[in-house]
Amino acid sequence: MEVTTKNQGSLRRPFSGMMSTAVVAGTLSAALFAVGTAGALSSHTSTSAKVSIAKSAKLGTFLVSGKTLYTLNKNDCNTACLKIWPALLLPKGVTNATAGSGVSGAKLGTVKIASGLQVTYGGKPLYWFAKDSGPGKVTGNKVKDKWGVWSIVVTAKPKAGGGGGTTTTAPAGGGTGF
């Protein structure tokens, strides 16, 4: 969410006015954060419909769109599920995801769900994991929960002997997660 303001020139206020303005601004910031967070947790629309790759010596090459992308072994992700495993949705007006370098554009598609067009790869819907803290972070791989088993989307297996580290590299941009 972006908030813009118009420059109204300099205003002189007594200290108490400045303090109340700071309190109001702090409250507004907290409210905007809460709204932005709630909106992000419910919609999870990427600002960019670009699917790229990240690489890990341990995991291989896998899909990301701002954050790591996952698939579910069943298609039972309901409203409660989407709070933890947000769907990768296309922005309104966009009908196709863009394949970044190393991603097969022919495998990208969409499926219509209640909240919009969800991006698919190889016919499987794509999701983020709410607990992944940033690009290339992988904390939801092989997670089993009441909806099924979640897995990253591996496009190339790791090289033999590559199980030593968990360092990942992810491209800049490519979506904003939430």
Protein backbone atom coordinates (compact mmCIF):
# COMPACT_ATOMS: atom_id res chain seq x y z
CA MET A 1 0.00 0.00 0.00
CA GLU A 2 1.41 3.36 -0.94
CA VAL A 3 0.39 6.52 0.85
CA THR A 4 1.03 9.82 -0.87
CA THR A 5 0.70 13.30 0.54
CA LYS A 6 0.76 16.72 -1.02
CA ASN A 7 3.35 19.23 0.17
CA GLN A 8 1.39 21.87 2.06
CA GLY A 9 4.34 24.10 2.89
CA SER A 10 5.74 24.55 6.36
CA LEU A 11 3.28 24.81 9.19
CA ARG A 12 4.18 26.20 12.59
CA ARG A 13 2.75 24.27 15.50
CA PRO A 14 3.42 24.51 19.19
CA PHE A 15 5.25 21.55 20.74
CA SER A 16 2.04 20.00 22.07
CA GLY A 17 0.53 20.11 18.58
CA MET A 18 3.62 18.42 17.20
CA MET A 19 3.36 15.72 19.85
CA SER A 20 -0.28 15.00 19.05
CA THR A 21 0.56 14.99 15.35
CA ALA A 22 3.29 12.43 16.04
CA VAL A 23 0.89 10.29 18.04
CA VAL A 24 -1.72 10.50 15.26
CA ALA A 25 0.94 9.75 12.63
CA GLY A 26 2.18 6.78 14.69
CA THR A 27 -1.36 5.51 15.10
CA LEU A 28 -2.02 5.99 11.39
CA SER A 29 1.19 4.15 10.53
CA ALA A 30 0.23 1.27 12.80
CA ALA A 31 -3.26 1.19 11.29
CA LEU A 32 -1.88 1.26 7.74
CA PHE A 33 0.55 -1.52 8.63
CA ALA A 34 -2.28 -3.62 10.05
CA VAL A 35 -4.45 -2.99 7.00
CA GLY A 36 -1.53 -3.67 4.65
CA THR A 37 -0.68 -6.85 6.51
CA ALA A 38 -4.28 -8.02 6.59
CA GLY A 39 -4.66 -7.23 2.90
CA ALA A 40 -1.46 -9.04 2.11
CA LEU A 41 -2.53 -12.08 4.09
CA SER A 42 -5.85 -12.27 2.31
CA SER A 43 -5.02 -11.34 -1.29
CA HIS A 44 -1.34 -12.14 -1.89
CA THR A 45 -1.38 -10.63 -5.31
CA SER A 46 2.06 -10.13 -6.71
CA THR A 47 2.87 -6.64 -7.99
CA SER A 48 4.65 -8.40 -10.79
CA ALA A 49 3.52 -11.60 -12.42
CA LYS A 50 7.08 -12.81 -12.92
CA VAL A 51 8.17 -16.29 -11.90
CA SER A 52 11.93 -16.73 -11.61
CA ILE A 53 14.40 -19.24 -10.17
CA ALA A 54 16.62 -19.46 -7.12
CA LYS A 55 19.46 -21.92 -6.64
CA SER A 56 20.59 -23.89 -3.63
CA ALA A 57 23.41 -26.43 -3.40
CA LYS A 58 21.15 -28.59 -1.22
CA LEU A 59 17.76 -28.14 -2.94
CA GLY A 60 18.69 -27.47 -6.56
CA THR A 61 17.00 -24.85 -8.72
CA PHE A 62 13.48 -23.88 -7.65
CA LEU A 63 10.75 -21.35 -8.45
CA VAL A 64 10.32 -18.00 -6.75
CA SER A 65 8.17 -14.92 -7.24
CA GLY A 66 9.59 -12.58 -4.66
CA LYS A 67 9.55 -15.53 -2.24
CA THR A 68 9.81 -19.28 -2.68
CA LEU A 69 6.87 -20.94 -4.44
CA TYR A 70 5.28 -24.19 -3.28
CA THR A 71 2.73 -26.70 -4.55
CA LEU A 72 0.35 -28.91 -2.59
CA ASN A 73 0.01 -32.63 -3.28
CA LYS A 74 -3.81 -32.20 -3.26
CA ASN A 75 -6.03 -29.30 -4.26
CA ASP A 76 -7.65 -28.78 -0.86
CA CYS A 77 -6.35 -25.32 0.09
CA ASN A 78 -9.38 -23.51 1.56
CA THR A 79 -9.77 -20.08 3.16
CA ALA A 80 -8.00 -21.12 6.37
CA CYS A 81 -5.21 -22.70 4.33
CA LEU A 82 -4.73 -19.53 2.25
CA LYS A 83 -3.89 -17.56 5.41
CA ILE A 84 -0.80 -19.73 5.87
CA TRP A 85 -0.21 -20.69 2.23
CA PRO A 86 -1.21 -17.63 0.16
CA ALA A 87 -1.97 -18.25 -3.50
CA LEU A 88 0.21 -16.53 -6.11
CA LEU A 89 -2.40 -14.40 -7.88
CA LEU A 90 -2.01 -12.31 -10.99
CA PRO A 91 -2.62 -8.58 -10.61
CA LYS A 92 -6.05 -7.42 -11.83
CA GLY A 93 -6.05 -6.99 -15.59
CA VAL A 94 -3.07 -9.32 -16.09
CA THR A 95 -3.87 -12.66 -17.72
CA ASN A 96 -0.46 -14.34 -17.95
CA ALA A 97 2.53 -14.76 -15.69
CA THR A 98 5.94 -13.88 -17.09
CA ALA A 99 8.70 -16.50 -17.14
CA GLY A 100 12.00 -15.22 -15.83
CA SER A 101 15.34 -16.60 -16.98
CA GLY A 102 15.48 -20.36 -16.40
CA VAL A 103 11.68 -20.79 -16.16
CA SER A 104 9.70 -22.62 -18.84
CA GLY A 105 7.01 -20.19 -20.00
CA ALA A 106 5.15 -23.10 -21.61
CA LYS A 107 4.59 -24.59 -18.13
CA LEU A 108 3.12 -21.39 -16.67
CA GLY A 109 -0.65 -21.11 -16.63
CA THR A 110 -3.54 -19.97 -14.48
CA VAL A 111 -6.56 -21.38 -12.71
CA LYS A 112 -9.59 -19.34 -11.66
CA ILE A 113 -10.21 -19.27 -7.90
CA ALA A 114 -12.56 -17.10 -5.82
CA SER A 115 -9.94 -14.39 -5.27
CA GLY A 116 -8.70 -14.16 -8.88
CA LEU A 117 -6.38 -15.91 -11.32
CA GLN A 118 -3.88 -18.15 -9.54
CA VAL A 119 -0.59 -18.89 -11.30
CA THR A 120 0.16 -22.55 -12.02
CA TYR A 121 3.31 -24.37 -13.10
CA GLY A 122 2.94 -27.68 -14.90
CA GLY A 123 -0.77 -27.51 -14.04
CA LYS A 124 -0.16 -27.23 -10.27
CA PRO A 125 -1.31 -24.08 -8.38
CA LEU A 126 1.51 -22.03 -6.83
CA TYR A 127 1.59 -20.76 -3.25
CA TRP A 128 3.89 -18.82 -0.92
CA PHE A 129 4.50 -19.83 2.71
CA ALA A 130 3.70 -17.14 5.29
CA LYS A 131 6.70 -18.17 7.44
CA ASP A 132 9.28 -17.63 4.68
CA SER A 133 11.02 -14.42 5.69
CA GLY A 134 12.41 -13.32 2.33
CA PRO A 135 13.61 -14.17 -1.16
CA GLY A 136 15.16 -17.63 -1.42
CA LYS A 137 14.13 -18.65 2.12
CA VAL A 138 12.74 -22.18 2.20
CA THR A 139 11.00 -23.16 5.43
CA GLY A 140 7.93 -24.93 4.03
CA ASN A 141 9.49 -27.70 1.93
CA LYS A 142 8.18 -31.18 2.78
CA VAL A 143 5.82 -29.68 5.38
CA LYS A 144 2.83 -31.91 6.08
CA ASP A 145 -0.29 -30.30 7.51
CA LYS A 146 -4.04 -30.90 7.44
CA TRP A 147 -4.21 -29.80 3.79
CA GLY A 148 -1.52 -32.16 2.54
CA VAL A 149 2.21 -32.11 1.83
CA TRP A 150 3.84 -28.93 0.52
CA SER A 151 6.89 -28.95 -1.75
CA ILE A 152 9.03 -26.39 -3.51
CA VAL A 153 8.88 -26.48 -7.30
CA VAL A 154 12.26 -27.89 -8.32
CA THR A 155 13.24 -27.24 -11.94
CA ALA A 156 16.72 -28.79 -11.65
CA LYS A 157 17.96 -31.19 -9.00
CA PRO A 158 21.06 -30.34 -6.98
CA LYS A 159 24.41 -31.50 -8.30
CA ALA A 160 25.87 -34.64 -6.72
CA GLY A 161 27.55 -33.83 -3.42
CA GLY A 162 25.69 -30.50 -3.15
CA GLY A 163 24.04 -31.27 0.16
CA GLY A 164 26.44 -29.28 2.33
CA GLY A 165 24.88 -25.85 2.54
CA THR A 166 21.54 -24.15 2.43
CA THR A 167 22.68 -20.92 0.80
CA THR A 168 20.30 -19.73 -1.85
CA THR A 169 20.54 -17.09 -4.49
CA ALA A 170 17.44 -15.38 -5.72
CA PRO A 171 17.04 -12.75 -8.41
CA ALA A 172 16.11 -9.22 -7.45
CA GLY A 173 12.52 -8.22 -8.15
CA GLY A 174 10.08 -10.72 -9.57
CA GLY A 175 7.21 -9.96 -7.23
CA THR A 176 6.72 -8.88 -3.70
CA GLY A 177 5.37 -11.75 -1.77
CA PHE A 178 3.49 -9.94 1.01
